Amino acid sequence: MLLGKKGMNTQAAIFIRIYKEESELEVWKLRDDGRYYHVKTYPICNWSGAVGPKLRQGDRQSPEGFYQITREQMKPDSRFHLAFNLGYPNPFDKAHRRTGDALMVHGKCASAGCYAMTDALMEEIYALAREAFIGGQDAIPVHAFPFRMTQTNMARHAKSKWQPFWKNLKEGYDHFELTRQVPEIAICNRRYVVNVTLPNGITQASLRPDAACPVFYRPTPSPFTPKPGEQIAENVVVPGPKMRAAEAFAPDTPRSGLTKASTPGQSWWQQYLPRFLSFTGQ
């Protein structure tokens, strides 16, 4: 079994990342060192609209943002074979008066705003989520991005009106690339605040997404270091149809994690750590 070969517990927590432009969905799994490791990258058979967030009911746009799936959002009786609800609109979306509901990841390869897989691949992804819930995971984080948020891709979309929103999403993308840990995310002042520890007496539920942010503690990120002799990321890329595959992105873009340093002689985490220390005020 693949999970066994990767030293993963079947019922350990999972994390999902979605990339519209590349039409790919990644599943990552938590190991006993507290870091997430890549399981597989699945082709997204179909999605709707263009890069950019969903704004309103009926715009046939697939959402972007930071979401969570709970047990109640699993849909074994979906008319699209199997499904789970992404949880759109979340408090961030609501603070921006975005509307719509029932935005799913599901089977049948047909989309009017959802991320649609083939039935066979949806069965596999659904099973990974189900086992994680059985193992005690309360909520599965899902980060949905317009594209892999490399500097090259950000520069390619520099003139987009969504650039400020994407820079906010990139904070979460970069944190995971650096640490292989899913960041704690608060929503206040109508934006996502990445990598925070809430003050005593304040909970996520008590935050007003449209109000000023409280004073947060911003922990220093702990860069991921692979164990000796272990690859940083062993990519398993599942073949399958991509009805919306983009031709614009670089074909050699790393699929999961920063698998190599882009500057000779410098580790990938050494490049990213100064950015995080500056961002967190450390």
Protein backbone atom coordinates (compact mmCIF):
# COMPACT_ATOMS: atom_id res chain seq x y z
CA MET A 1 0.00 0.00 0.00
CA LEU A 2 1.22 3.51 -0.88
CA LEU A 3 0.44 4.96 2.56
CA GLY A 4 2.43 2.24 4.27
CA LYS A 5 5.41 2.81 1.99
CA LYS A 6 5.31 6.50 2.88
CA GLY A 7 5.11 5.80 6.62
CA MET A 8 1.57 7.15 6.87
CA ASN A 9 -1.29 6.05 9.09
CA THR A 10 -4.50 5.44 7.13
CA GLN A 11 -6.53 7.40 9.68
CA ALA A 12 -4.10 10.30 10.17
CA ALA A 13 -5.25 13.83 9.39
CA ILE A 14 -5.22 15.08 5.80
CA PHE A 15 -4.89 18.45 4.07
CA ILE A 16 -6.12 19.32 0.56
CA ARG A 17 -4.77 21.93 -1.83
CA ILE A 18 -6.54 22.85 -5.09
CA TYR A 19 -5.05 24.66 -8.09
CA LYS A 20 -7.47 25.91 -10.74
CA GLU A 21 -5.16 26.82 -13.57
CA GLU A 22 -3.23 23.56 -13.38
CA SER A 23 -6.44 21.56 -12.76
CA GLU A 24 -4.86 19.66 -9.88
CA LEU A 25 -5.88 18.62 -6.37
CA GLU A 26 -3.23 17.54 -3.87
CA VAL A 27 -3.79 15.38 -0.79
CA TRP A 28 -1.26 15.60 2.04
CA LYS A 29 -1.16 13.46 5.19
CA LEU A 30 0.10 14.18 8.70
CA ARG A 31 2.93 12.04 10.05
CA ASP A 32 4.16 11.60 13.59
CA ASP A 33 6.69 14.44 13.27
CA GLY A 34 3.83 16.95 13.02
CA ARG A 35 4.48 17.68 9.33
CA TYR A 36 2.36 16.91 6.29
CA TYR A 37 3.67 14.69 3.50
CA HIS A 38 2.44 14.45 -0.06
CA VAL A 39 0.16 11.49 -0.83
CA LYS A 40 -0.99 12.09 -4.41
CA THR A 41 -1.76 14.81 -6.92
CA TYR A 42 -5.07 14.18 -8.70
CA PRO A 43 -6.26 15.71 -11.98
CA ILE A 44 -9.35 17.91 -11.67
CA CYS A 45 -11.54 16.79 -14.53
CA ASN A 46 -13.50 20.05 -14.72
CA TRP A 47 -14.08 23.39 -12.99
CA SER A 48 -16.03 26.53 -13.86
CA GLY A 49 -15.36 30.14 -14.67
CA ALA A 50 -11.90 31.71 -14.65
CA VAL A 51 -9.13 32.34 -12.14
CA GLY A 52 -10.45 34.62 -9.44
CA PRO A 53 -12.87 34.17 -6.52
CA LYS A 54 -16.53 33.29 -6.65
CA LEU A 55 -18.59 36.44 -6.11
CA ARG A 56 -22.28 35.66 -6.38
CA GLN A 57 -24.90 32.97 -6.76
CA GLY A 58 -25.16 31.87 -10.37
CA ASP A 59 -21.84 33.25 -11.63
CA ARG A 60 -20.70 29.67 -12.35
CA GLN A 61 -17.35 30.44 -10.74
CA SER A 62 -15.35 27.95 -8.67
CA PRO A 63 -14.29 29.45 -5.31
CA GLU A 64 -10.83 30.37 -4.08
CA GLY A 65 -9.84 30.74 -0.44
CA PHE A 66 -9.27 28.88 2.81
CA TYR A 67 -12.06 26.44 3.67
CA GLN A 68 -12.79 23.53 6.01
CA ILE A 69 -14.72 20.30 5.57
CA THR A 70 -16.52 18.71 8.52
CA ARG A 71 -18.25 15.34 8.73
CA GLU A 72 -21.58 17.04 8.09
CA GLN A 73 -20.30 18.33 4.75
CA MET A 74 -19.64 14.83 3.39
CA LYS A 75 -22.24 13.81 0.79
CA PRO A 76 -22.27 10.03 0.20
CA ASP A 77 -25.70 10.34 -1.44
CA SER A 78 -24.72 13.08 -3.90
CA ARG A 79 -26.26 12.92 -7.36
CA PHE A 80 -22.71 13.59 -8.55
CA HIS A 81 -21.58 10.16 -7.29
CA LEU A 82 -19.79 11.30 -4.10
CA ALA A 83 -19.11 14.81 -2.83
CA PHE A 84 -18.03 17.03 0.00
CA ASN A 85 -19.11 20.65 0.50
CA LEU A 86 -16.22 23.15 0.61
CA GLY A 87 -18.01 25.43 3.06
CA TYR A 88 -18.40 28.41 0.74
CA PRO A 89 -19.23 31.11 1.67
CA ASN A 90 -16.90 31.22 4.67
CA PRO A 91 -16.73 34.27 6.99
CA PHE A 92 -14.24 35.98 4.63
CA ASP A 93 -16.61 35.55 1.69
CA LYS A 94 -19.55 36.80 3.73
CA ALA A 95 -17.58 39.87 4.84
CA HIS A 96 -17.17 40.67 1.14
CA ARG A 97 -20.89 40.04 0.53
CA ARG A 98 -20.23 37.08 -1.71
CA THR A 99 -23.18 34.76 -2.22
CA GLY A 100 -23.84 31.19 -3.32
CA ASP A 101 -23.92 27.79 -1.70
CA ALA A 102 -23.44 24.07 -2.30
CA LEU A 103 -19.97 24.48 -3.79
CA MET A 104 -18.52 20.98 -3.83
CA VAL A 105 -15.71 18.71 -4.82
CA HIS A 106 -17.60 15.86 -6.51
CA GLY A 107 -17.58 13.25 -9.26
CA LYS A 108 -19.17 13.09 -12.72
CA CYS A 109 -16.64 15.49 -14.37
CA ALA A 110 -19.33 18.20 -14.76
CA SER A 111 -19.10 21.63 -13.15
CA ALA A 112 -21.35 24.66 -12.70
CA GLY A 113 -19.14 26.17 -9.99
CA CYS A 114 -17.72 23.07 -8.33
CA TYR A 115 -14.47 21.16 -8.69
CA ALA A 116 -15.39 17.95 -10.52
CA MET A 117 -13.33 14.76 -10.54
CA THR A 118 -13.85 11.48 -12.34
CA ASP A 119 -15.95 9.08 -10.29
CA ALA A 120 -13.06 6.68 -9.67
CA LEU A 121 -10.74 9.38 -8.35
CA MET A 122 -13.51 10.94 -6.27
CA GLU A 123 -13.99 7.57 -4.58
CA GLU A 124 -10.32 7.52 -3.60
CA ILE A 125 -10.28 11.10 -2.30
CA TYR A 126 -13.56 10.59 -0.45
CA ALA A 127 -12.15 7.46 1.22
CA LEU A 128 -9.07 9.36 2.41
CA ALA A 129 -11.32 12.03 3.95
CA ARG A 130 -13.65 9.45 5.52
CA GLU A 131 -10.73 7.60 7.16
CA ALA A 132 -9.31 10.85 8.53
CA PHE A 133 -12.65 11.62 10.18
CA ILE A 134 -12.80 8.10 11.61
CA GLY A 135 -9.32 8.70 13.00
CA GLY A 136 -10.55 11.77 14.88
CA GLN A 137 -9.87 14.74 12.59
CA ASP A 138 -12.52 17.38 13.33
CA ALA A 139 -12.17 19.40 10.13
CA ILE A 140 -10.14 18.97 6.96
CA PRO A 141 -8.55 22.19 5.73
CA VAL A 142 -8.90 22.88 1.99
CA HIS A 143 -6.88 25.68 0.42
CA ALA A 144 -8.15 26.56 -3.05
CA PHE A 145 -5.76 28.64 -5.15
CA PRO A 146 -6.04 30.17 -8.62
CA PHE A 147 -2.70 28.58 -9.56
CA ARG A 148 0.51 27.42 -7.90
CA MET A 149 1.53 30.65 -6.24
CA THR A 150 5.12 30.86 -7.36
CA GLN A 151 6.74 34.20 -8.02
CA THR A 152 6.68 33.40 -11.75
CA ASN A 153 2.94 32.79 -11.77
CA MET A 154 2.24 35.84 -9.61
CA ALA A 155 4.24 37.99 -12.02
CA ARG A 156 2.36 36.51 -14.98
CA HIS A 157 -0.91 37.66 -13.38
CA ALA A 158 0.48 40.96 -12.07
CA LYS A 159 -2.13 43.07 -13.90
CA SER A 160 -5.11 41.13 -12.58
CA LYS A 161 -7.54 43.04 -10.40
CA TRP A 162 -7.35 40.07 -8.01
CA GLN A 163 -3.64 40.54 -7.31
CA PRO A 164 -4.21 41.95 -3.74
CA PHE A 165 -6.51 39.02 -2.90
CA TRP A 166 -4.02 36.54 -4.32
CA LYS A 167 -1.16 38.08 -2.33
CA ASN A 168 -3.24 37.39 0.78
CA LEU A 169 -3.75 33.76 -0.31
CA LYS A 170 -0.05 33.46 -1.08
CA GLU A 171 0.76 34.04 2.60
CA GLY A 172 -0.94 30.72 3.38
CA TYR A 173 0.65 29.02 0.37
CA ASP A 174 4.16 30.16 1.35
CA HIS A 175 3.70 29.14 4.99
CA PHE A 176 2.95 25.56 4.02
CA GLU A 177 5.77 25.50 1.47
CA LEU A 178 8.17 26.57 4.20
CA THR A 179 6.95 24.47 7.10
CA ARG A 180 4.79 21.60 5.83
CA GLN A 181 2.35 22.64 8.55
CA VAL A 182 -1.15 24.01 7.95
CA PRO A 183 -1.20 27.56 9.33
CA GLU A 184 -3.77 28.81 11.78
CA ILE A 185 -5.87 31.35 9.91
CA ALA A 186 -8.00 34.10 11.42
CA ILE A 187 -10.46 36.26 9.49
CA CYS A 188 -10.78 39.90 10.50
CA ASN A 189 -10.58 43.32 8.87
CA ARG A 190 -12.05 41.58 5.79
CA ARG A 191 -8.86 39.61 5.14
CA TYR A 192 -7.17 36.34 6.03
CA VAL A 193 -4.51 36.62 8.74
CA VAL A 194 -2.08 33.73 8.43
CA ASN A 195 -0.06 32.03 11.18
CA VAL A 196 -1.63 33.47 14.30
CA THR A 197 -2.20 32.49 17.90
CA LEU A 198 -5.35 34.06 19.32
CA PRO A 199 -5.16 35.98 22.61
CA ASN A 200 -6.67 34.39 25.70
CA GLY A 201 -10.45 34.58 25.72
CA ILE A 202 -10.77 35.07 21.96
CA THR A 203 -11.88 32.29 19.64
CA GLN A 204 -12.19 32.11 15.88
CA ALA A 205 -15.96 32.06 16.26
CA SER A 206 -15.93 35.26 18.31
CA LEU A 207 -13.97 37.25 15.72
CA ARG A 208 -15.95 39.59 13.50
CA PRO A 209 -14.62 39.17 9.96
CA ASP A 210 -15.45 42.79 9.08
CA ALA A 211 -14.03 44.30 12.30
CA ALA A 212 -10.50 45.34 13.24
CA CYS A 213 -8.14 42.53 14.19
CA PRO A 214 -7.08 42.04 17.80
CA VAL A 215 -3.40 41.95 18.71
CA PHE A 216 -2.19 38.55 17.56
CA TYR A 217 0.88 36.58 18.51
CA ARG A 218 2.68 35.53 15.32
CA PRO A 219 4.86 32.46 16.01
CA THR A 220 8.15 32.15 14.16
CA PRO A 221 7.66 29.49 11.46
CA SER A 222 9.65 26.30 11.91
CA PRO A 223 11.09 25.30 8.52
CA PHE A 224 10.58 21.75 7.37
CA THR A 225 13.77 19.68 7.25
CA PRO A 226 13.51 16.21 5.70
CA LYS A 227 14.94 13.30 7.59
CA PRO A 228 18.40 12.15 6.42
CA GLY A 229 18.14 10.10 3.26
CA GLU A 230 14.49 11.00 2.71
CA GLN A 231 13.24 12.93 -0.29
CA ILE A 232 11.60 16.28 0.42
CA ALA A 233 8.64 15.33 -1.74
CA GLU A 234 7.97 12.08 -3.54
CA ASN A 235 5.41 13.15 -6.09
CA VAL A 236 2.79 10.64 -7.12
CA VAL A 237 0.81 12.22 -9.95
CA VAL A 238 -2.32 10.35 -10.95
CA PRO A 239 -3.15 10.32 -14.68
CA GLY A 240 -6.60 11.41 -15.81
CA PRO A 241 -8.57 13.91 -17.90
CA LYS A 242 -8.29 17.67 -17.42
CA MET A 243 -10.99 19.43 -19.41
CA ARG A 244 -9.72 22.87 -18.30
CA ALA A 245 -5.96 22.31 -18.25
CA ALA A 246 -4.13 25.59 -18.86
CA GLU A 247 -1.32 25.83 -21.38
CA ALA A 248 0.13 29.03 -19.96
CA PHE A 249 1.92 27.77 -16.86
CA ALA A 250 5.46 26.44 -16.95
CA PRO A 251 5.46 22.64 -17.34
CA ASP A 252 8.37 22.24 -14.92
CA THR A 253 6.66 24.08 -12.05
CA PRO A 254 7.14 21.99 -8.85
CA ARG A 255 3.88 20.22 -8.02
CA SER A 256 4.14 19.90 -4.28
CA GLY A 257 6.44 21.68 -1.91
CA LEU A 258 9.63 23.43 -2.89
CA THR A 259 11.49 20.33 -3.95
CA LYS A 260 14.77 22.07 -4.72
CA ALA A 261 16.49 25.37 -4.09
CA SER A 262 16.05 27.91 -6.86
CA THR A 263 19.28 29.66 -5.87
CA PRO A 264 22.44 27.52 -6.12
CA GLY A 265 23.94 26.73 -2.76
CA GLN A 266 20.94 27.95 -0.79
CA SER A 267 18.29 25.71 0.76
CA TRP A 268 14.69 26.53 -0.13
CA TRP A 269 13.75 27.26 3.47
CA GLN A 270 16.66 29.71 3.81
CA GLN A 271 15.16 31.73 0.97
CA TYR A 272 11.69 31.84 2.56
CA LEU A 273 12.52 32.31 6.25
CA PRO A 274 13.57 36.01 6.04
CA ARG A 275 10.27 36.81 4.34
CA PHE A 276 8.32 35.19 7.18
CA LEU A 277 10.39 36.80 9.92
CA SER A 278 9.78 40.19 8.30
CA PHE A 279 6.06 39.47 7.84
CA THR A 280 5.60 38.39 11.46
CA GLY A 281 7.66 41.21 12.92
CA GLN A 282 10.23 38.85 14.40
